[in-house]
Every structure is written in C-alpha cells, then in structure tokens.
Amino acid sequence: MGSPFKDHQSHSPSYTHSFVKKILPYFIYVILPIAVIRLYLYSPSLPQSSTVHHHLSQPSTVHHLPHSTTPISITTSPPPPPSSSSSSKNDQEHKKPEAEQELKKPEAKETQCDYTDGDWVPDQMGPLYNGTTCGTIKKGQNCIIHGRPDLGFLYWKWKPKQCSLPRFEPNTFLELLRNKHIAFVGDSMARNQLESLLCMLATASRPKLVYSNGEDNKFRRWNFASHNVNVSVFWSPFLVKGVEKSKSGPDHNQLFLDQVDERWAADMGKMDMVVLSVGHWFLHPAVYFEGGSALGCHFCPGLNHTEIGFYDVLRKAIKTTLKTITERRGTSENGINVIVTTFSPAHFEGEWDKAGACPKTKPHNKGDKNLEGMDADMRQVEVEEVEAAKVNANGVSGLKVEELDVTYLSLMRPDGHPGPYMNPFPFADGMKERVQNDCVHWCLPGAIDTWNEIMLEIMKKWK
C-alpha cells in the first residue's frame, strides 16, 4: 500500500499547473482589487485617506426632514460644536472639499409658506359641517337651509403655490387653546369668521353659550368644556371708540381715533388671543375726532368739515388698537397673541336689491381677476400697520402679532356669498326682479372656513 503523500508527490507537476490555471482568474478579478482598495483607504501616505476614512466613520450631518403636510416654517439647525478632545477630527474637517463643507452649514433663512399665493382647486371631501348640523350659524349666512340650489361652492379648496394647506383639525385647535380665551373683535366679518370657527370646532366638542348681551347678540361667549376653551365675539366695527348712526341721532358715524373702544378693551386682560377684523364700516359717512377736536369727515355734505376720506382713518384706528394692546398686555405675565384679518372684498355686480347681484357659481380662474383699487388699498393699510406693530413688539415678552391675509383668496370666490339666499327661499313664489342680496358676507359652510384653516397654521407655527 503506497503512501498517500508519496502518491500526491508523484502527480505534483500536473496538479500544480491545473490549480494555478484555475485560481489565477479569481486572483486577478477579485483579490487584487480588494487589496488595492484596502491600500487606498488605509495607507497613511495617500492624501485622501483621512478624508474618506472620516466620512465613513462619522454620522452624516445633512438633515433629512420627515415628510410633513404643514411646511410652515422649517429651519435646519447647526451641528453641535466639537468637544476639545476631537482636535484630530477638526483637522480632518478642514481637509474636506468645499462642496461637502457647504452641506454642513446651518440654514440661516426660514422657508415660509405664502398662503396669499395660490388657486382654488376642486375638493370632493367638502366641508366639515353643514347648515343643518351646526346650530350657531347666523340665519343670513345659512345658505343651504335657505334653499340655495347650487351646492358646488362647497367643493373647493385653497391650494397655496408653495405648500399644502391641511384640513382643519378641531382637536388640535382646542388643544392649543386649552384653558384659554380667544376673542373675535370687529364688525360682522369678525362674527362671520367666529361662526365658521364654532361650527368646525363643534364637530369635535359641543360649545355651550355662557354669555349673551346686546342687540342682535353682539356680545357673546361660548365654552368648550372638553378643553375649557372660551370663544367670544365683541361687536366693535371701528375697533376705536365710536358712536354709530341711528334713527334718533345724526345720519353719520362718529369716530374717536385716539381712544380704543372700551366695550371690548375692558375685557382685554382676560383674553389670551384676539382676532381683529374691520373695514366695511369705514366706507359709511362719518365724522372723525382726534385730540378732542374734529379732524375731518367722509361723505358729509352739509357739514362744516374737511373731506379726508377713510384710508388714513382706518390706519389710525388700527394703529391705536395695536398700540393699546401692546401697552396693556405686552408686558403681562401670560402675554397675548394678536391676529388681524385683512379686508374681505364684496362681489356686487349691479344693484344690491336686484336679482343677479352676485350670480357666480364658481371661483375665478387665476388671472381672471386682479387685486386692485379699494380692495388692494384697504389690505395694504392693514398689512403695513401689522408689520409696523411687529417691529414695535420686537423684544416685548409675551406679545405676538400677525396678519391673516385673506384678501386675494376671498376676492377669487365670487360664488361664496349668500346673495338672495340671505332670506329663506326667496324665489318660492317665482322669480322676482327686486330681491335683497348679500354679496359681502359668506355662506356657512363655505370659503370663509379657509380663513380659520390658515389661522390654525399660524397658531401651530407660534407653538
């Protein structure tokens, strides 16, 4: 029996040749590249080695933001400063290419969503509520229950150009205002926005009317017991002190531009958030006072006053209001948040008491209508005064001021008004040539719900 070792040796030349022939391709195509890569990565003599090795061993500093449907304000944060024990890492950082260093710089500018720029797009989901399920809608804005036949105005959504506008979240709103008080102060547009908000919140929690006073319920308060949130409305069509025209008095309003209206301001200490909305009442005939003397008037023939228009008067009224809020609440312990809703355009086409005063059934297409004239001027005054108030409030603890700029998106909704359906079934007895039309206020539900969707996004940003 021969030795296996001897037997193997007797065949060694041919076996070795065969083995080398088989293994050589593997060595060339697999082992050799691995050896070269290893030499490239770990050889201290190659200039790229420290950079590549550091990049592989350290976590990336490029921020990957999670997907969000509410991109209101996103700011990337700078990386934490290195510790003193990482001087070698600092040396490696300086050796990185400029492009990679650029990725690690903190983003200095916030990315904001401009809710004023967008389009109305079809929305099959429709509103959160309807005119039969919400009991707090003013009768004149309850278009569905008053028999409006076309309901297409309910199925549109505002789509900002730069971002998405989330559907209103009633529980989120209530949670942000838990144990707090939000007040809507101003004219009937403030009340219109308030009633929209009440209806949307009522889909999550039932409101209880806890206070009512004044003609036509001009001063009311509701409580949402689930979160102990108080929601109030204060009638104050000028924000400043005013005497409204009446049948028994003069046929014009009187405004005192340097004094805030104490009918709402007296309760300012109990407010955590206030939403201001005025504009349309400044178009009415009025005499203006400042510093104890008459300043001038608007549309007051027969009176010995200088005609001064109403734009500067609106500016003075807003300035007085924001200044008073800043002085009274800006330094208080819990502070106050202020939102100014900008001017809401009317859509009369012809006479207000004639059929077809606001006949549109769809939104304007972009480019069909421009923001101009009085609508643009009223908005501009309000935005400028809010921006000035922001500067004045800078550094004042506990005070936030923001405009809710709804002028353009509202301009694009000529279909959203009650029109003749401000009254129940106006054509039950056939078509009439003369009929009252409301082309100023908004049907509920409807386009005005978007105002509160945007307001919630402002509140979430503040939080």
Protein backbone atom coordinates (compact mmCIF):
# COMPACT_ATOMS: atom_id res chain seq x y z
CA MET A 1 0.00 0.00 0.00
CA GLY A 2 1.61 3.15 -1.11
CA SER A 3 1.89 6.27 0.96
CA PRO A 4 -0.69 8.94 0.10
CA PHE A 5 1.92 11.62 0.45
CA LYS A 6 4.15 9.79 -2.00
CA ASP A 7 1.24 9.28 -4.35
CA HIS A 8 0.42 13.03 -4.25
CA GLN A 9 4.02 13.96 -4.91
CA SER A 10 4.11 11.71 -7.91
CA HIS A 11 1.42 13.86 -9.57
CA SER A 12 2.53 17.30 -8.29
CA PRO A 13 3.64 18.95 -11.59
CA SER A 14 0.34 18.49 -13.45
CA TYR A 15 -1.78 19.13 -10.34
CA THR A 16 0.05 22.36 -9.59
CA HIS A 17 -0.34 23.59 -13.16
CA SER A 18 -4.07 22.88 -13.07
CA PHE A 19 -4.55 24.59 -9.72
CA VAL A 20 -2.71 27.75 -10.80
CA LYS A 21 -4.70 27.87 -14.01
CA LYS A 22 -7.96 27.75 -12.07
CA ILE A 23 -7.12 30.20 -9.30
CA LEU A 24 -5.36 32.88 -11.34
CA PRO A 25 -8.53 34.49 -12.79
CA TYR A 26 -10.04 34.75 -9.31
CA PHE A 27 -6.93 36.42 -8.02
CA ILE A 28 -6.90 38.97 -10.86
CA TYR A 29 -10.60 39.87 -10.75
CA VAL A 30 -11.40 39.59 -7.02
CA ILE A 31 -8.45 39.54 -4.67
CA LEU A 32 -6.28 42.12 -6.43
CA PRO A 33 -8.97 44.90 -6.47
CA ILE A 34 -9.71 44.30 -2.78
CA ALA A 35 -6.05 44.66 -1.98
CA VAL A 36 -5.83 47.91 -3.96
CA ILE A 37 -8.93 49.41 -2.27
CA ARG A 38 -7.61 48.47 1.16
CA LEU A 39 -4.29 50.04 0.36
CA TYR A 40 -6.10 53.23 -0.87
CA LEU A 41 -8.24 53.54 2.26
CA TYR A 42 -5.72 52.78 4.94
CA SER A 43 -2.32 53.80 3.63
CA PRO A 44 -1.17 56.93 5.55
CA SER A 45 0.89 58.03 2.57
CA LEU A 46 -2.15 58.77 0.38
CA PRO A 47 -3.53 62.33 0.80
CA GLN A 48 -7.23 61.34 0.52
CA SER A 49 -7.15 58.72 3.23
CA SER A 50 -8.03 60.90 6.24
CA THR A 51 -10.96 62.48 4.47
CA VAL A 52 -12.53 59.28 3.24
CA HIS A 53 -11.96 57.44 6.50
CA HIS A 54 -13.54 60.27 8.50
CA HIS A 55 -16.52 60.41 6.17
CA LEU A 56 -17.14 56.68 6.56
CA SER A 57 -16.77 56.63 10.32
CA GLN A 58 -18.78 59.77 11.27
CA PRO A 59 -22.59 60.18 11.05
CA SER A 60 -23.86 62.43 8.28
CA THR A 61 -24.75 66.00 9.24
CA VAL A 62 -27.08 66.59 6.29
CA HIS A 63 -30.60 66.93 7.73
CA HIS A 64 -33.28 64.64 6.31
CA LEU A 65 -36.58 66.24 7.34
CA PRO A 66 -39.54 63.90 7.82
CA HIS A 67 -42.43 64.26 5.38
CA SER A 68 -44.86 66.91 6.61
CA THR A 69 -48.14 68.30 5.30
CA THR A 70 -47.69 71.53 7.22
CA PRO A 71 -44.42 73.09 5.99
CA ILE A 72 -44.99 76.47 7.60
CA SER A 73 -41.53 77.22 8.83
CA ILE A 74 -38.59 74.84 8.53
CA THR A 75 -35.15 75.84 9.71
CA THR A 76 -32.17 73.47 9.72
CA SER A 77 -30.13 73.60 12.91
CA PRO A 78 -26.34 73.89 13.03
CA PRO A 79 -24.43 70.82 14.20
CA PRO A 80 -23.25 70.83 17.84
CA PRO A 81 -19.77 72.26 18.43
CA PRO A 82 -16.99 69.65 18.65
CA SER A 83 -15.51 68.80 22.03
CA SER A 84 -11.96 69.75 22.92
CA SER A 85 -10.92 66.11 22.70
CA SER A 86 -11.68 65.92 19.00
CA SER A 87 -8.90 68.13 17.63
CA SER A 88 -7.85 65.46 15.16
CA LYS A 89 -11.39 65.35 13.81
CA ASN A 90 -11.35 69.13 13.44
CA ASP A 91 -8.18 68.84 11.37
CA GLN A 92 -9.90 66.30 9.17
CA GLU A 93 -12.95 68.58 8.82
CA HIS A 94 -10.78 71.36 7.40
CA LYS A 95 -9.43 68.98 4.78
CA LYS A 96 -12.91 68.21 3.37
CA PRO A 97 -13.79 69.51 -0.07
CA GLU A 98 -15.70 72.83 -0.15
CA ALA A 99 -18.87 71.22 -1.51
CA GLU A 100 -19.07 68.88 1.47
CA GLN A 101 -18.35 71.72 3.89
CA GLU A 102 -21.22 73.69 2.28
CA LEU A 103 -23.66 70.91 3.08
CA LYS A 104 -22.83 71.24 6.76
CA LYS A 105 -23.52 74.97 7.02
CA PRO A 106 -26.66 75.84 9.04
CA GLU A 107 -29.58 77.20 7.01
CA ALA A 108 -29.92 80.84 8.03
CA LYS A 109 -33.18 81.65 6.24
CA GLU A 110 -36.53 80.14 7.18
CA THR A 111 -38.64 78.57 4.46
CA GLN A 112 -42.07 80.16 4.80
CA CYS A 113 -45.36 79.21 3.18
CA ASP A 114 -47.05 82.12 1.43
CA TYR A 115 -50.77 81.44 1.85
CA THR A 116 -51.69 84.51 -0.22
CA ASP A 117 -50.45 82.95 -3.47
CA GLY A 118 -52.44 80.01 -4.77
CA ASP A 119 -55.51 78.68 -6.56
CA TRP A 120 -58.93 77.32 -5.71
CA VAL A 121 -58.98 73.69 -6.78
CA PRO A 122 -61.84 71.13 -6.76
CA ASP A 123 -62.21 69.21 -3.50
CA GLN A 124 -64.51 66.21 -3.29
CA MET A 125 -64.30 66.00 0.51
CA GLY A 126 -66.42 69.08 1.09
CA PRO A 127 -66.80 70.92 4.42
CA LEU A 128 -66.51 69.54 7.93
CA TYR A 129 -70.07 70.56 8.80
CA ASN A 130 -73.33 71.60 7.14
CA GLY A 131 -76.05 74.14 7.73
CA THR A 132 -78.36 71.68 9.43
CA THR A 133 -75.88 70.20 11.92
CA CYS A 134 -74.37 73.46 13.23
CA GLY A 135 -76.69 75.49 15.42
CA THR A 136 -74.60 78.67 15.72
CA ILE A 137 -74.84 79.93 12.12
CA LYS A 138 -76.41 83.36 11.72
CA LYS A 139 -79.61 82.91 9.73
CA GLY A 140 -78.50 85.27 6.97
CA GLN A 141 -75.43 83.08 6.20
CA ASN A 142 -77.21 79.70 6.38
CA CYS A 143 -77.44 79.41 2.59
CA ILE A 144 -78.20 75.68 2.42
CA ILE A 145 -81.14 75.74 4.79
CA HIS A 146 -82.43 78.85 2.98
CA GLY A 147 -82.72 76.83 -0.22
CA ARG A 148 -79.65 77.72 -2.28
CA PRO A 149 -79.93 75.18 -5.11
CA ASP A 150 -76.32 75.10 -6.36
CA LEU A 151 -74.02 73.45 -3.83
CA GLY A 152 -70.87 73.42 -5.94
CA PHE A 153 -69.48 76.30 -3.86
CA LEU A 154 -68.88 73.79 -1.06
CA TYR A 155 -66.39 71.69 -3.03
CA TRP A 156 -63.36 73.91 -3.47
CA LYS A 157 -60.13 74.06 -1.52
CA TRP A 158 -57.47 76.76 -1.40
CA LYS A 159 -54.15 75.36 -2.61
CA PRO A 160 -51.14 77.60 -1.87
CA LYS A 161 -48.46 77.57 -4.55
CA GLN A 162 -45.56 76.75 -2.20
CA CYS A 163 -47.10 74.24 0.18
CA SER A 164 -50.22 72.37 1.20
CA LEU A 165 -52.94 73.69 3.49
CA PRO A 166 -54.06 70.92 5.85
CA ARG A 167 -57.70 70.26 6.56
CA PHE A 168 -58.85 71.94 9.77
CA GLU A 169 -58.14 69.85 12.87
CA PRO A 170 -60.62 70.87 15.61
CA ASN A 171 -58.91 68.89 18.37
CA THR A 172 -55.56 70.47 17.53
CA PHE A 173 -57.10 73.95 17.72
CA LEU A 174 -58.75 73.22 21.06
CA GLU A 175 -55.58 71.71 22.47
CA LEU A 176 -53.54 74.80 21.53
CA LEU A 177 -56.06 76.96 23.40
CA ARG A 178 -56.69 74.67 26.35
CA ASN A 179 -57.75 76.74 29.39
CA LYS A 180 -57.54 79.94 27.32
CA HIS A 181 -59.80 82.60 25.82
CA ILE A 182 -59.92 83.67 22.16
CA ALA A 183 -61.93 86.78 21.25
CA PHE A 184 -63.13 87.96 17.84
CA VAL A 185 -63.39 91.74 17.81
CA GLY A 186 -64.72 93.89 15.00
CA ASP A 187 -67.63 94.10 12.58
CA SER A 188 -69.92 91.47 11.04
CA MET A 189 -66.97 89.88 9.21
CA ALA A 190 -65.42 89.10 12.59
CA ARG A 191 -68.71 87.47 13.56
CA ASN A 192 -68.84 85.58 10.25
CA GLN A 193 -65.36 84.14 10.90
CA LEU A 194 -66.26 83.35 14.51
CA GLU A 195 -69.36 81.37 13.49
CA SER A 196 -67.31 79.42 10.95
CA LEU A 197 -64.85 78.50 13.70
CA LEU A 198 -67.61 77.49 16.12
CA CYS A 199 -69.11 75.13 13.54
CA MET A 200 -65.78 73.46 12.80
CA LEU A 201 -64.92 73.08 16.48
CA ALA A 202 -68.39 71.70 17.19
CA THR A 203 -67.53 68.63 15.08
CA ALA A 204 -65.20 67.60 17.93
CA SER A 205 -66.68 69.24 21.03
CA ARG A 206 -70.06 70.80 21.80
CA PRO A 207 -69.97 74.53 22.63
CA LYS A 208 -72.15 75.95 25.38
CA LEU A 209 -73.36 79.56 25.22
CA VAL A 210 -72.42 81.03 28.59
CA TYR A 211 -72.95 84.76 27.97
CA SER A 212 -75.10 86.89 25.66
CA ASN A 213 -75.78 90.62 25.71
CA GLY A 214 -76.62 93.45 23.38
CA GLU A 215 -78.93 93.90 20.43
CA ASP A 216 -78.66 91.10 17.87
CA ASN A 217 -76.39 89.15 20.25
CA LYS A 218 -73.43 91.40 19.53
CA PHE A 219 -71.57 90.27 22.66
CA ARG A 220 -71.48 86.52 23.25
CA ARG A 221 -69.25 83.87 24.75
CA TRP A 222 -69.15 80.09 24.38
CA ASN A 223 -67.27 77.49 26.40
CA PHE A 224 -65.90 74.18 25.13
CA ALA A 225 -65.90 72.14 28.33
CA SER A 226 -63.72 69.37 26.86
CA HIS A 227 -60.72 71.72 26.84
CA ASN A 228 -62.06 74.64 28.87
CA VAL A 229 -61.70 76.96 25.86
CA ASN A 230 -63.69 80.21 25.82
CA VAL A 231 -64.61 81.78 22.47
CA SER A 232 -66.09 85.29 22.42
CA VAL A 233 -67.32 87.86 19.95
CA PHE A 234 -67.30 91.61 20.61
CA TRP A 235 -69.12 93.98 18.28
CA SER A 236 -66.79 96.91 17.55
CA PRO A 237 -66.98 97.95 13.88
CA PHE A 238 -64.19 100.56 14.21
CA LEU A 239 -62.06 98.98 17.00
CA VAL A 240 -61.68 102.53 18.36
CA LYS A 241 -64.39 104.39 20.25
CA GLY A 242 -67.33 105.17 18.01
CA VAL A 243 -70.91 106.35 18.04
CA GLU A 244 -72.90 104.57 15.37
CA LYS A 245 -75.51 106.42 13.34
CA SER A 246 -79.10 105.84 14.43
CA LYS A 247 -82.64 106.78 13.53
CA SER A 248 -82.82 109.11 16.52
CA GLY A 249 -79.38 110.65 16.06
CA PRO A 250 -77.19 112.02 13.27
CA ASP A 251 -77.11 110.18 9.95
CA HIS A 252 -73.37 109.51 10.19
CA ASN A 253 -70.95 107.70 12.46
CA GLN A 254 -68.60 109.45 14.87
CA LEU A 255 -65.12 108.00 15.43
CA PHE A 256 -62.60 108.98 18.11
CA LEU A 257 -59.36 107.79 16.60
CA ASP A 258 -57.09 108.12 19.62
CA GLN A 259 -59.27 106.09 22.01
CA VAL A 260 -59.81 102.35 21.83
CA ASP A 261 -63.36 101.01 22.20
CA GLU A 262 -63.65 100.01 25.84
CA ARG A 263 -66.66 97.80 25.15
CA TRP A 264 -64.11 95.14 24.24
CA ALA A 265 -60.85 96.58 25.54
CA ALA A 266 -62.12 96.49 29.13
CA ASP A 267 -62.02 92.68 28.89
CA MET A 268 -58.57 92.60 27.27
CA GLY A 269 -56.96 91.35 30.46
CA LYS A 270 -58.97 88.13 30.17
CA MET A 271 -58.00 87.43 26.55
CA ASP A 272 -55.16 85.14 25.51
CA MET A 273 -55.72 85.62 21.79
CA VAL A 274 -57.62 88.31 19.90
CA VAL A 275 -58.69 88.30 16.23
CA LEU A 276 -59.39 91.77 14.82
CA SER A 277 -61.46 92.32 11.69
CA VAL A 278 -62.71 95.67 10.38
CA GLY A 279 -63.03 97.59 7.13
CA HIS A 280 -66.50 97.82 5.64
CA TRP A 281 -67.91 100.24 8.21
CA PHE A 282 -65.21 102.77 7.32
CA LEU A 283 -66.96 103.23 3.98
CA HIS A 284 -70.00 104.76 5.67
CA PRO A 285 -70.45 108.53 6.23
CA ALA A 286 -68.59 109.59 9.36
CA VAL A 287 -67.03 112.48 11.26
CA TYR A 288 -63.61 111.86 12.82
CA PHE A 289 -62.22 113.25 16.05
CA GLU A 290 -58.69 113.22 17.43
CA GLY A 291 -57.24 115.04 20.43
CA GLY A 292 -60.65 116.41 21.40
CA SER A 293 -61.34 118.20 18.11
CA ALA A 294 -62.81 117.33 14.72
CA LEU A 295 -60.22 116.04 12.29
CA GLY A 296 -62.44 115.86 9.21
CA CYS A 297 -65.10 113.64 7.70
CA HIS A 298 -66.01 111.20 4.96
CA PHE A 299 -69.01 111.86 2.73
CA CYS A 300 -70.58 114.52 4.94
CA PRO A 301 -72.21 117.11 2.66
CA GLY A 302 -73.82 119.93 4.57
CA LEU A 303 -71.39 119.66 7.49
CA ASN A 304 -68.60 122.15 8.01
CA HIS A 305 -65.81 119.57 7.95
CA THR A 306 -62.97 118.81 5.59
CA GLU A 307 -63.40 115.71 3.46
CA ILE A 308 -60.41 113.46 4.24
CA GLY A 309 -61.55 110.04 3.03
CA PHE A 310 -61.20 106.87 5.08
CA TYR A 311 -57.82 105.22 4.30
CA ASP A 312 -55.82 107.30 6.77
CA VAL A 313 -58.63 106.95 9.29
CA LEU A 314 -58.51 103.16 9.03
CA ARG A 315 -54.75 103.34 9.52
CA LYS A 316 -55.09 105.49 12.65
CA ALA A 317 -57.73 103.17 14.10
CA ILE A 318 -55.60 100.06 13.65
CA LYS A 319 -52.51 101.83 14.91
CA THR A 320 -54.33 103.00 18.08
CA THR A 321 -55.69 99.49 18.65
CA LEU A 322 -52.38 97.65 18.28
CA LYS A 323 -50.56 100.27 20.34
CA THR A 324 -53.10 99.93 23.15
CA ILE A 325 -52.86 96.12 23.13
CA THR A 326 -49.06 96.36 23.27
CA GLU A 327 -49.15 98.81 26.19
CA ARG A 328 -51.74 96.93 28.23
CA ARG A 329 -50.81 93.33 27.59
CA GLY A 330 -47.35 93.20 26.05
CA THR A 331 -45.57 93.09 29.39
CA SER A 332 -48.13 90.97 31.26
CA GLU A 333 -47.10 87.61 32.62
CA ASN A 334 -49.11 85.46 30.19
CA GLY A 335 -48.99 87.83 27.20
CA ILE A 336 -51.40 87.91 24.27
CA ASN A 337 -51.45 86.78 20.63
CA VAL A 338 -52.99 89.14 18.05
CA ILE A 339 -54.21 88.32 14.54
CA VAL A 340 -55.54 90.96 12.14
CA THR A 341 -57.77 89.53 9.41
CA THR A 342 -57.36 91.61 6.27
CA PHE A 343 -60.14 93.20 4.22
CA SER A 344 -62.69 90.87 2.62
CA PRO A 345 -63.86 92.07 -0.82
CA ALA A 346 -67.52 92.28 -1.82
CA HIS A 347 -68.75 90.97 -5.18
CA PHE A 348 -71.74 93.08 -6.18
CA GLU A 349 -72.49 93.14 -9.89
CA GLY A 350 -75.09 95.84 -10.29
CA GLU A 351 -77.69 96.92 -7.74
CA TRP A 352 -77.77 95.26 -4.33
CA ASP A 353 -81.55 94.77 -4.40
CA LYS A 354 -81.84 93.44 -7.94
CA ALA A 355 -81.79 89.79 -8.99
CA GLY A 356 -78.35 88.59 -10.05
CA ALA A 357 -76.34 90.92 -7.81
CA CYS A 358 -73.72 88.20 -7.22
CA PRO A 359 -74.61 85.45 -9.71
CA LYS A 360 -71.32 83.48 -9.96
CA THR A 361 -71.38 79.77 -9.11
CA LYS A 362 -67.64 79.04 -9.43
CA PRO A 363 -64.39 80.67 -8.28
CA HIS A 364 -62.49 82.96 -10.60
CA ASN A 365 -59.64 81.32 -12.50
CA LYS A 366 -56.21 82.70 -11.77
CA GLY A 367 -55.62 85.71 -13.98
CA ASP A 368 -59.33 86.48 -14.41
CA LYS A 369 -59.34 88.94 -11.53
CA ASN A 370 -56.62 91.19 -10.12
CA LEU A 371 -56.40 92.60 -6.62
CA GLU A 372 -56.67 96.33 -7.21
CA GLY A 373 -58.50 99.52 -6.28
CA MET A 374 -60.11 99.87 -2.88
CA ASP A 375 -59.70 96.17 -2.01
CA ALA A 376 -55.94 96.40 -2.52
CA ASP A 377 -55.67 99.73 -0.69
CA MET A 378 -57.61 98.56 2.37
CA ARG A 379 -55.50 95.41 2.59
CA GLN A 380 -52.29 97.40 2.16
CA VAL A 381 -53.11 99.70 5.08
CA GLU A 382 -53.83 96.74 7.37
CA VAL A 383 -50.73 94.77 6.39
CA GLU A 384 -48.45 97.80 6.80
CA GLU A 385 -49.79 98.53 10.28
CA VAL A 386 -49.39 94.92 11.37
CA GLU A 387 -45.81 94.86 10.11
CA ALA A 388 -45.10 98.11 11.98
CA ALA A 389 -46.63 96.61 15.13
CA LYS A 390 -44.34 93.60 14.79
CA VAL A 391 -41.34 95.92 14.86
CA ASN A 392 -42.68 97.76 17.90
CA ALA A 393 -43.39 94.46 19.64
CA ASN A 394 -39.91 93.11 18.95
CA GLY A 395 -38.40 92.21 22.27
CA VAL A 396 -41.69 92.65 24.13
CA SER A 397 -42.16 89.47 26.10
CA GLY A 398 -45.36 87.54 25.51
CA LEU A 399 -46.65 89.50 22.52
CA LYS A 400 -47.14 88.02 19.04
CA VAL A 401 -48.76 89.89 16.14
CA GLU A 402 -49.57 88.50 12.69
CA GLU A 403 -51.82 89.33 9.75
CA LEU A 404 -54.27 86.77 8.42
CA ASP A 405 -54.07 87.86 4.80
CA VAL A 406 -57.25 86.57 3.16
CA THR A 407 -57.99 89.42 0.73
CA TYR A 408 -56.82 87.80 -2.50
CA LEU A 409 -58.13 84.30 -1.84
CA SER A 410 -61.50 85.84 -0.88
CA LEU A 411 -61.51 88.03 -3.99
CA MET A 412 -61.33 84.84 -6.07
CA ARG A 413 -64.57 83.46 -4.56
CA PRO A 414 -67.49 85.47 -6.02
CA ASP A 415 -69.61 82.33 -5.64
CA GLY A 416 -69.30 82.17 -1.86
CA HIS A 417 -71.88 84.78 -0.78
CA PRO A 418 -75.50 84.23 0.26
CA GLY A 419 -76.81 86.54 -2.45
CA PRO A 420 -80.62 86.33 -2.38
CA TYR A 421 -80.43 83.34 -0.01
CA MET A 422 -79.77 85.67 2.87
CA ASN A 423 -83.53 85.14 3.28
CA PRO A 424 -85.34 81.78 3.20
CA PHE A 425 -86.47 80.57 -0.22
CA PRO A 426 -86.54 83.99 -1.92
CA PHE A 427 -87.97 82.57 -5.18
CA ALA A 428 -90.57 80.24 -3.72
CA ASP A 429 -93.29 82.29 -5.43
CA GLY A 430 -91.37 82.64 -8.70
CA MET A 431 -88.56 84.86 -9.90
CA LYS A 432 -88.60 88.46 -8.72
CA GLU A 433 -86.88 91.44 -10.24
CA ARG A 434 -86.23 93.06 -6.88
CA VAL A 435 -84.75 90.98 -4.09
CA GLN A 436 -82.28 91.71 -1.30
CA ASN A 437 -78.77 90.35 -1.87
CA ASP A 438 -75.84 89.83 0.46
CA CYS A 439 -72.66 89.85 -1.61
CA VAL A 440 -70.45 90.82 1.34
CA HIS A 441 -70.75 88.07 3.95
CA TRP A 442 -70.03 84.39 3.36
CA CYS A 443 -72.19 81.29 3.28
CA LEU A 444 -71.59 78.81 6.08
CA PRO A 445 -70.10 76.39 5.39
CA GLY A 446 -68.02 77.89 2.62
CA ALA A 447 -64.95 79.83 1.59
CA ILE A 448 -64.58 81.58 4.94
CA ASP A 449 -63.72 78.23 6.58
CA THR A 450 -60.36 78.57 4.82
CA TRP A 451 -59.60 81.65 6.92
CA ASN A 452 -59.67 79.52 10.06
CA GLU A 453 -57.60 76.77 8.44
CA ILE A 454 -54.84 79.31 7.80
CA MET A 455 -55.26 80.81 11.27
CA LEU A 456 -54.67 77.38 12.78
CA GLU A 457 -51.43 77.07 10.81
CA ILE A 458 -50.30 80.43 12.24
CA MET A 459 -51.08 79.18 15.73
CA LYS A 460 -49.18 75.93 15.15
CA LYS A 461 -46.19 77.93 13.94
CA TRP A 462 -46.32 80.08 17.07
CA LYS A 463 -46.48 76.98 19.26
